[in-house]
Amino acid sequence: MTNEELLKIYLKDPVFIENEYVSKEEVENFDWNDKRKIPIVESLKIIVRESAKDTGERTTVRLINQYLDNSL
């Protein structure tokens, strides 16, 4: 399973759709390289990418925090 496929599985969760982070149509056509930079989606991308690398949880959390500090 690719990182993009795994990300789509997470994005199909009703929480993301009900809270209007993404629509059902957007999820189906979602591209890993999407340029919109939605913070919750970018955080999920970090989780997926770092899990594939077998990165530790603390490092993953630090990377998410760095991303959020720089983007918000």
PDB file of N, CA and C in Angstrom:
ATOM      1  N   MET A   1       0.843  -1.167   0.000  1.00  0.00           N
ATOM      2  CA  MET A   1       0.000   0.000   0.000  1.00  0.00           C
ATOM      3  C   MET A   1       0.898   1.244   0.000  1.00  0.00           C
ATOM      4  N   THR A   2       0.587   2.187  -0.871  1.00  0.00           N
ATOM      5  CA  THR A   2       1.401   3.401  -0.955  1.00  0.00           C
ATOM      6  C   THR A   2       0.996   4.391   0.135  1.00  0.00           C
ATOM      7  N   ASN A   3       1.857   5.375   0.365  1.00  0.00           N
ATOM      8  CA  ASN A   3       1.542   6.426   1.331  1.00  0.00           C
ATOM      9  C   ASN A   3       0.263   7.152   0.944  1.00  0.00           C
ATOM     10  N   GLU A   4       0.081   7.413  -0.348  1.00  0.00           N
ATOM     11  CA  GLU A   4      -1.111   8.129  -0.811  1.00  0.00           C
ATOM     12  C   GLU A   4      -2.376   7.315  -0.546  1.00  0.00           C
ATOM     13  N   GLU A   5      -2.330   6.017  -0.787  1.00  0.00           N
ATOM     14  CA  GLU A   5      -3.490   5.156  -0.523  1.00  0.00           C
ATOM     15  C   GLU A   5      -3.821   5.134   0.965  1.00  0.00           C
ATOM     16  N   LEU A   6      -2.803   5.061   1.801  1.00  0.00           N
ATOM     17  CA  LEU A   6      -3.004   5.064   3.242  1.00  0.00           C
ATOM     18  C   LEU A   6      -3.597   6.395   3.702  1.00  0.00           C
ATOM     19  N   LEU A   7      -3.112   7.482   3.162  1.00  0.00           N
ATOM     20  CA  LEU A   7      -3.641   8.793   3.504  1.00  0.00           C
ATOM     21  C   LEU A   7      -5.122   8.890   3.121  1.00  0.00           C
ATOM     22  N   LYS A   8      -5.490   8.389   1.963  1.00  0.00           N
ATOM     23  CA  LYS A   8      -6.887   8.419   1.523  1.00  0.00           C
ATOM     24  C   LYS A   8      -7.789   7.628   2.472  1.00  0.00           C
ATOM     25  N   ILE A   9      -7.278   6.527   2.990  1.00  0.00           N
ATOM     26  CA  ILE A   9      -8.066   5.744   3.948  1.00  0.00           C
ATOM     27  C   ILE A   9      -8.364   6.583   5.187  1.00  0.00           C
ATOM     28  N   TYR A  10      -7.359   7.270   5.699  1.00  0.00           N
ATOM     29  CA  TYR A  10      -7.572   8.144   6.859  1.00  0.00           C
ATOM     30  C   TYR A  10      -8.547   9.274   6.531  1.00  0.00           C
ATOM     31  N   LEU A  11      -8.396   9.870   5.361  1.00  0.00           N
ATOM     32  CA  LEU A  11      -9.242  11.003   4.986  1.00  0.00           C
ATOM     33  C   LEU A  11     -10.691  10.608   4.745  1.00  0.00           C
ATOM     34  N   LYS A  12     -10.948   9.334   4.475  1.00  0.00           N
ATOM     35  CA  LYS A  12     -12.323   8.865   4.279  1.00  0.00           C
ATOM     36  C   LYS A  12     -13.077   8.732   5.596  1.00  0.00           C
ATOM     37  N   ASP A  13     -12.372   8.868   6.698  1.00  0.00           N
ATOM     38  CA  ASP A  13     -13.013   8.786   8.000  1.00  0.00           C
ATOM     39  C   ASP A  13     -14.068   9.882   8.117  1.00  0.00           C
ATOM     40  N   PRO A  14     -15.242   9.548   8.635  1.00  0.00           N
ATOM     41  CA  PRO A  14     -16.325  10.543   8.737  1.00  0.00           C
ATOM     42  C   PRO A  14     -15.943  11.822   9.483  1.00  0.00           C
ATOM     43  N   VAL A  15     -15.009  11.739  10.406  1.00  0.00           N
ATOM     44  CA  VAL A  15     -14.602  12.935  11.160  1.00  0.00           C
ATOM     45  C   VAL A  15     -14.091  14.028  10.223  1.00  0.00           C
ATOM     46  N   PHE A  16     -13.293  13.647   9.231  1.00  0.00           N
ATOM     47  CA  PHE A  16     -12.738  14.628   8.304  1.00  0.00           C
ATOM     48  C   PHE A  16     -13.805  15.193   7.380  1.00  0.00           C
ATOM     49  N   ILE A  17     -14.711  14.353   6.956  1.00  0.00           N
ATOM     50  CA  ILE A  17     -15.752  14.786   6.024  1.00  0.00           C
ATOM     51  C   ILE A  17     -16.812  15.610   6.753  1.00  0.00           C
ATOM     52  N   GLU A  18     -17.252  15.147   7.936  1.00  0.00           N
ATOM     53  CA  GLU A  18     -18.274  15.864   8.700  1.00  0.00           C
ATOM     54  C   GLU A  18     -17.789  17.237   9.143  1.00  0.00           C
ATOM     55  N   ASN A  19     -16.526  17.345   9.468  1.00  0.00           N
ATOM     56  CA  ASN A  19     -15.971  18.635   9.896  1.00  0.00           C
ATOM     57  C   ASN A  19     -15.503  19.481   8.726  1.00  0.00           C
ATOM     58  N   GLU A  20     -15.765  18.995   7.526  1.00  0.00           N
ATOM     59  CA  GLU A  20     -15.508  19.717   6.285  1.00  0.00           C
ATOM     60  C   GLU A  20     -14.033  20.064   6.057  1.00  0.00           C
ATOM     61  N   TYR A  21     -13.141  19.182   6.528  1.00  0.00           N
ATOM     62  CA  TYR A  21     -11.730  19.356   6.187  1.00  0.00           C
ATOM     63  C   TYR A  21     -11.537  19.036   4.715  1.00  0.00           C
ATOM     64  N   VAL A  22     -12.245  17.992   4.259  1.00  0.00           N
ATOM     65  CA  VAL A  22     -12.247  17.598   2.848  1.00  0.00           C
ATOM     66  C   VAL A  22     -13.618  17.029   2.508  1.00  0.00           C
ATOM     67  N   SER A  23     -14.010  17.130   1.245  1.00  0.00           N
ATOM     68  CA  SER A  23     -15.276  16.540   0.810  1.00  0.00           C
ATOM     69  C   SER A  23     -15.017  15.118   0.307  1.00  0.00           C
ATOM     70  N   LYS A  24     -16.094  14.347   0.170  1.00  0.00           N
ATOM     71  CA  LYS A  24     -15.947  12.974  -0.330  1.00  0.00           C
ATOM     72  C   LYS A  24     -15.304  12.964  -1.705  1.00  0.00           C
ATOM     73  N   GLU A  25     -15.684  13.917  -2.544  1.00  0.00           N
ATOM     74  CA  GLU A  25     -15.130  13.993  -3.896  1.00  0.00           C
ATOM     75  C   GLU A  25     -13.634  14.320  -3.861  1.00  0.00           C
ATOM     76  N   GLU A  26     -13.261  15.200  -2.957  1.00  0.00           N
ATOM     77  CA  GLU A  26     -11.849  15.566  -2.840  1.00  0.00           C
ATOM     78  C   GLU A  26     -10.994  14.371  -2.408  1.00  0.00           C
ATOM     79  N   VAL A  27     -11.538  13.567  -1.516  1.00  0.00           N
ATOM     80  CA  VAL A  27     -10.791  12.407  -1.034  1.00  0.00           C
ATOM     81  C   VAL A  27     -10.498  11.442  -2.175  1.00  0.00           C
ATOM     82  N   GLU A  28     -11.483  11.203  -3.003  1.00  0.00           N
ATOM     83  CA  GLU A  28     -11.307  10.268  -4.113  1.00  0.00           C
ATOM     84  C   GLU A  28     -10.223  10.737  -5.086  1.00  0.00           C
ATOM     85  N   ASN A  29     -10.119  12.048  -5.268  1.00  0.00           N
ATOM     86  CA  ASN A  29      -9.163  12.605  -6.226  1.00  0.00           C
ATOM     87  C   ASN A  29      -7.933  13.199  -5.552  1.00  0.00           C
ATOM     88  N   PHE A  30      -7.777  12.934  -4.259  1.00  0.00           N
ATOM     89  CA  PHE A  30      -6.705  13.567  -3.511  1.00  0.00           C
ATOM     90  C   PHE A  30      -5.344  13.102  -4.000  1.00  0.00           C
ATOM     91  N   ASP A  31      -4.445  14.045  -4.119  1.00  0.00           N
ATOM     92  CA  ASP A  31      -3.087  13.779  -4.566  1.00  0.00           C
ATOM     93  C   ASP A  31      -2.135  14.097  -3.420  1.00  0.00           C
ATOM     94  N   TRP A  32      -1.172  13.237  -3.194  1.00  0.00           N
ATOM     95  CA  TRP A  32      -0.197  13.434  -2.113  1.00  0.00           C
ATOM     96  C   TRP A  32       0.461  14.806  -2.229  1.00  0.00           C
ATOM     97  N   ASN A  33       0.657  15.295  -3.425  1.00  0.00           N
ATOM     98  CA  ASN A  33       1.338  16.575  -3.668  1.00  0.00           C
ATOM     99  C   ASN A  33       0.386  17.756  -3.753  1.00  0.00           C
ATOM    100  N   ASP A  34      -0.804  17.619  -3.217  1.00  0.00           N
ATOM    101  CA  ASP A  34      -1.789  18.703  -3.212  1.00  0.00           C
ATOM    102  C   ASP A  34      -1.157  19.954  -2.604  1.00  0.00           C
ATOM    103  N   LYS A  35      -1.368  21.088  -3.225  1.00  0.00           N
ATOM    104  CA  LYS A  35      -0.690  22.331  -2.823  1.00  0.00           C
ATOM    105  C   LYS A  35      -1.444  23.161  -1.784  1.00  0.00           C
ATOM    106  N   ARG A  36      -2.635  22.723  -1.364  1.00  0.00           N
ATOM    107  CA  ARG A  36      -3.447  23.555  -0.470  1.00  0.00           C
ATOM    108  C   ARG A  36      -2.909  23.674   0.943  1.00  0.00           C
ATOM    109  N   LYS A  37      -2.147  22.728   1.405  1.00  0.00           N
ATOM    110  CA  LYS A  37      -1.527  22.766   2.735  1.00  0.00           C
ATOM    111  C   LYS A  37      -2.549  22.919   3.867  1.00  0.00           C
ATOM    112  N   ILE A  38      -3.496  22.003   3.935  1.00  0.00           N
ATOM    113  CA  ILE A  38      -4.466  21.949   5.024  1.00  0.00           C
ATOM    114  C   ILE A  38      -3.738  21.352   6.228  1.00  0.00           C
ATOM    115  N   PRO A  39      -3.637  22.080   7.347  1.00  0.00           N
ATOM    116  CA  PRO A  39      -2.805  21.628   8.471  1.00  0.00           C
ATOM    117  C   PRO A  39      -3.086  20.202   8.945  1.00  0.00           C
ATOM    118  N   ILE A  40      -4.342  19.814   9.073  1.00  0.00           N
ATOM    119  CA  ILE A  40      -4.644  18.464   9.551  1.00  0.00           C
ATOM    120  C   ILE A  40      -4.206  17.416   8.538  1.00  0.00           C
ATOM    121  N   VAL A  41      -4.351  17.710   7.270  1.00  0.00           N
ATOM    122  CA  VAL A  41      -3.938  16.778   6.219  1.00  0.00           C
ATOM    123  C   VAL A  41      -2.415  16.693   6.175  1.00  0.00           C
ATOM    124  N   GLU A  42      -1.755  17.819   6.307  1.00  0.00           N
ATOM    125  CA  GLU A  42      -0.289  17.822   6.311  1.00  0.00           C
ATOM    126  C   GLU A  42       0.254  17.054   7.517  1.00  0.00           C
ATOM    127  N   SER A  43      -0.424  17.163   8.649  1.00  0.00           N
ATOM    128  CA  SER A  43      -0.019  16.406   9.832  1.00  0.00           C
ATOM    129  C   SER A  43      -0.164  14.911   9.592  1.00  0.00           C
ATOM    130  N   LEU A  44      -1.263  14.520   8.945  1.00  0.00           N
ATOM    131  CA  LEU A  44      -1.458  13.106   8.599  1.00  0.00           C
ATOM    132  C   LEU A  44      -0.382  12.625   7.635  1.00  0.00           C
ATOM    133  N   LYS A  45      -0.008  13.470   6.695  1.00  0.00           N
ATOM    134  CA  LYS A  45       1.050  13.105   5.756  1.00  0.00           C
ATOM    135  C   LYS A  45       2.358  12.825   6.496  1.00  0.00           C
ATOM    136  N   ILE A  46       2.654  13.652   7.480  1.00  0.00           N
ATOM    137  CA  ILE A  46       3.873  13.448   8.265  1.00  0.00           C
ATOM    138  C   ILE A  46       3.790  12.114   9.002  1.00  0.00           C
ATOM    139  N   ILE A  47       2.641  11.828   9.591  1.00  0.00           N
ATOM    140  CA  ILE A  47       2.467  10.575  10.319  1.00  0.00           C
ATOM    141  C   ILE A  47       2.657   9.379   9.390  1.00  0.00           C
ATOM    142  N   VAL A  48       2.021   9.418   8.232  1.00  0.00           N
ATOM    143  CA  VAL A  48       2.116   8.312   7.275  1.00  0.00           C
ATOM    144  C   VAL A  48       3.556   8.148   6.792  1.00  0.00           C
ATOM    145  N   ARG A  49       4.167   9.260   6.392  1.00  0.00           N
ATOM    146  CA  ARG A  49       5.537   9.198   5.861  1.00  0.00           C
ATOM    147  C   ARG A  49       6.517   8.677   6.912  1.00  0.00           C
ATOM    148  N   GLU A  50       6.407   9.182   8.137  1.00  0.00           N
ATOM    149  CA  GLU A  50       7.354   8.784   9.180  1.00  0.00           C
ATOM    150  C   GLU A  50       7.090   7.369   9.676  1.00  0.00           C
ATOM    151  N   SER A  51       5.844   6.927   9.639  1.00  0.00           N
ATOM    152  CA  SER A  51       5.538   5.546  10.018  1.00  0.00           C
ATOM    153  C   SER A  51       6.163   4.582   9.022  1.00  0.00           C
ATOM    154  N   ALA A  52       6.147   4.951   7.756  1.00  0.00           N
ATOM    155  CA  ALA A  52       6.759   4.109   6.721  1.00  0.00           C
ATOM    156  C   ALA A  52       8.263   3.995   6.938  1.00  0.00           C
ATOM    157  N   LYS A  53       8.864   5.037   7.496  1.00  0.00           N
ATOM    158  CA  LYS A  53      10.300   5.028   7.774  1.00  0.00           C
ATOM    159  C   LYS A  53      10.615   4.376   9.127  1.00  0.00           C
ATOM    160  N   ASP A  54       9.560   4.029   9.877  1.00  0.00           N
ATOM    161  CA  ASP A  54       9.704   3.445  11.210  1.00  0.00           C
ATOM    162  C   ASP A  54      10.332   4.443  12.182  1.00  0.00           C
ATOM    163  N   THR A  55       9.983   5.701  12.007  1.00  0.00           N
ATOM    164  CA  THR A  55      10.452   6.764  12.890  1.00  0.00           C
ATOM    165  C   THR A  55       9.735   6.655  14.233  1.00  0.00           C
ATOM    166  N   GLY A  56      10.408   6.985  15.298  1.00  0.00           N
ATOM    167  CA  GLY A  56       9.812   6.935  16.634  1.00  0.00           C
ATOM    168  C   GLY A  56       8.697   7.969  16.806  1.00  0.00           C
ATOM    169  N   GLU A  57       7.829   7.669  17.756  1.00  0.00           N
ATOM    170  CA  GLU A  57       6.678   8.540  18.014  1.00  0.00           C
ATOM    171  C   GLU A  57       7.103   9.949  18.428  1.00  0.00           C
ATOM    172  N   ARG A  58       8.096  10.062  19.290  1.00  0.00           N
ATOM    173  CA  ARG A  58       8.523  11.383  19.757  1.00  0.00           C
ATOM    174  C   ARG A  58       9.060  12.234  18.605  1.00  0.00           C
ATOM    175  N   THR A  59       9.797  11.604  17.717  1.00  0.00           N
ATOM    176  CA  THR A  59      10.333  12.322  16.561  1.00  0.00           C
ATOM    177  C   THR A  59       9.197  12.765  15.647  1.00  0.00           C
ATOM    178  N   THR A  60       8.217  11.894  15.427  1.00  0.00           N
ATOM    179  CA  THR A  60       7.072  12.233  14.585  1.00  0.00           C
ATOM    180  C   THR A  60       6.301  13.407  15.177  1.00  0.00           C
ATOM    181  N   VAL A  61       6.076  13.376  16.474  1.00  0.00           N
ATOM    182  CA  VAL A  61       5.372  14.479  17.145  1.00  0.00           C
ATOM    183  C   VAL A  61       6.165  15.768  16.999  1.00  0.00           C
ATOM    184  N   ARG A  62       7.477  15.685  17.155  1.00  0.00           N
ATOM    185  CA  ARG A  62       8.323  16.879  17.007  1.00  0.00           C
ATOM    186  C   ARG A  62       8.217  17.443  15.597  1.00  0.00           C
ATOM    187  N   LEU A  63       8.214  16.571  14.582  1.00  0.00           N
ATOM    188  CA  LEU A  63       8.094  17.026  13.193  1.00  0.00           C
ATOM    189  C   LEU A  63       6.743  17.690  12.935  1.00  0.00           C
ATOM    190  N   ILE A  64       5.690  17.136  13.511  1.00  0.00           N
ATOM    191  CA  ILE A  64       4.359  17.746  13.358  1.00  0.00           C
ATOM    192  C   ILE A  64       4.346  19.112  14.020  1.00  0.00           C
ATOM    193  N   ASN A  65       4.886  19.201  15.220  1.00  0.00           N
ATOM    194  CA  ASN A  65       4.932  20.490  15.922  1.00  0.00           C
ATOM    195  C   ASN A  65       5.748  21.522  15.150  1.00  0.00           C
ATOM    196  N   GLN A  66       6.860  21.110  14.573  1.00  0.00           N
ATOM    197  CA  GLN A  66       7.659  22.033  13.767  1.00  0.00           C
ATOM    198  C   GLN A  66       6.872  22.524  12.569  1.00  0.00           C
ATOM    199  N   TYR A  67       6.175  21.613  11.892  1.00  0.00           N
ATOM    200  CA  TYR A  67       5.370  22.002  10.742  1.00  0.00           C
ATOM    201  C   TYR A  67       4.315  23.022  11.176  1.00  0.00           C
ATOM    202  N   LEU A  68       3.588  22.707  12.248  1.00  0.00           N
ATOM    203  CA  LEU A  68       2.514  23.595  12.686  1.00  0.00           C
ATOM    204  C   LEU A  68       3.053  24.959  13.150  1.00  0.00           C
ATOM    205  N   ASP A  69       4.191  24.949  13.835  1.00  0.00           N
ATOM    206  CA  ASP A  69       4.794  26.221  14.280  1.00  0.00           C
ATOM    207  C   ASP A  69       5.163  27.095  13.080  1.00  0.00           C
ATOM    208  N   ASN A  70       5.629  26.475  12.012  1.00  0.00           N
ATOM    209  CA  ASN A  70       6.060  27.221  10.825  1.00  0.00           C
ATOM    210  C   ASN A  70       4.930  27.606   9.888  1.00  0.00           C
ATOM    211  N   SER A  71       3.782  26.939  10.025  1.00  0.00           N
ATOM    212  CA  SER A  71       2.709  27.196   9.064  1.00  0.00           C
ATOM    213  C   SER A  71       1.568  28.032   9.618  1.00  0.00           C
ATOM    214  N   LEU A  72       1.441  28.106  10.922  1.00  0.00           N
ATOM    215  CA  LEU A  72       0.303  28.838  11.489  1.00  0.00           C
ATOM    216  C   LEU A  72       0.681  30.205  11.970  1.00  0.00           C
TER     217      LEU A  72
END
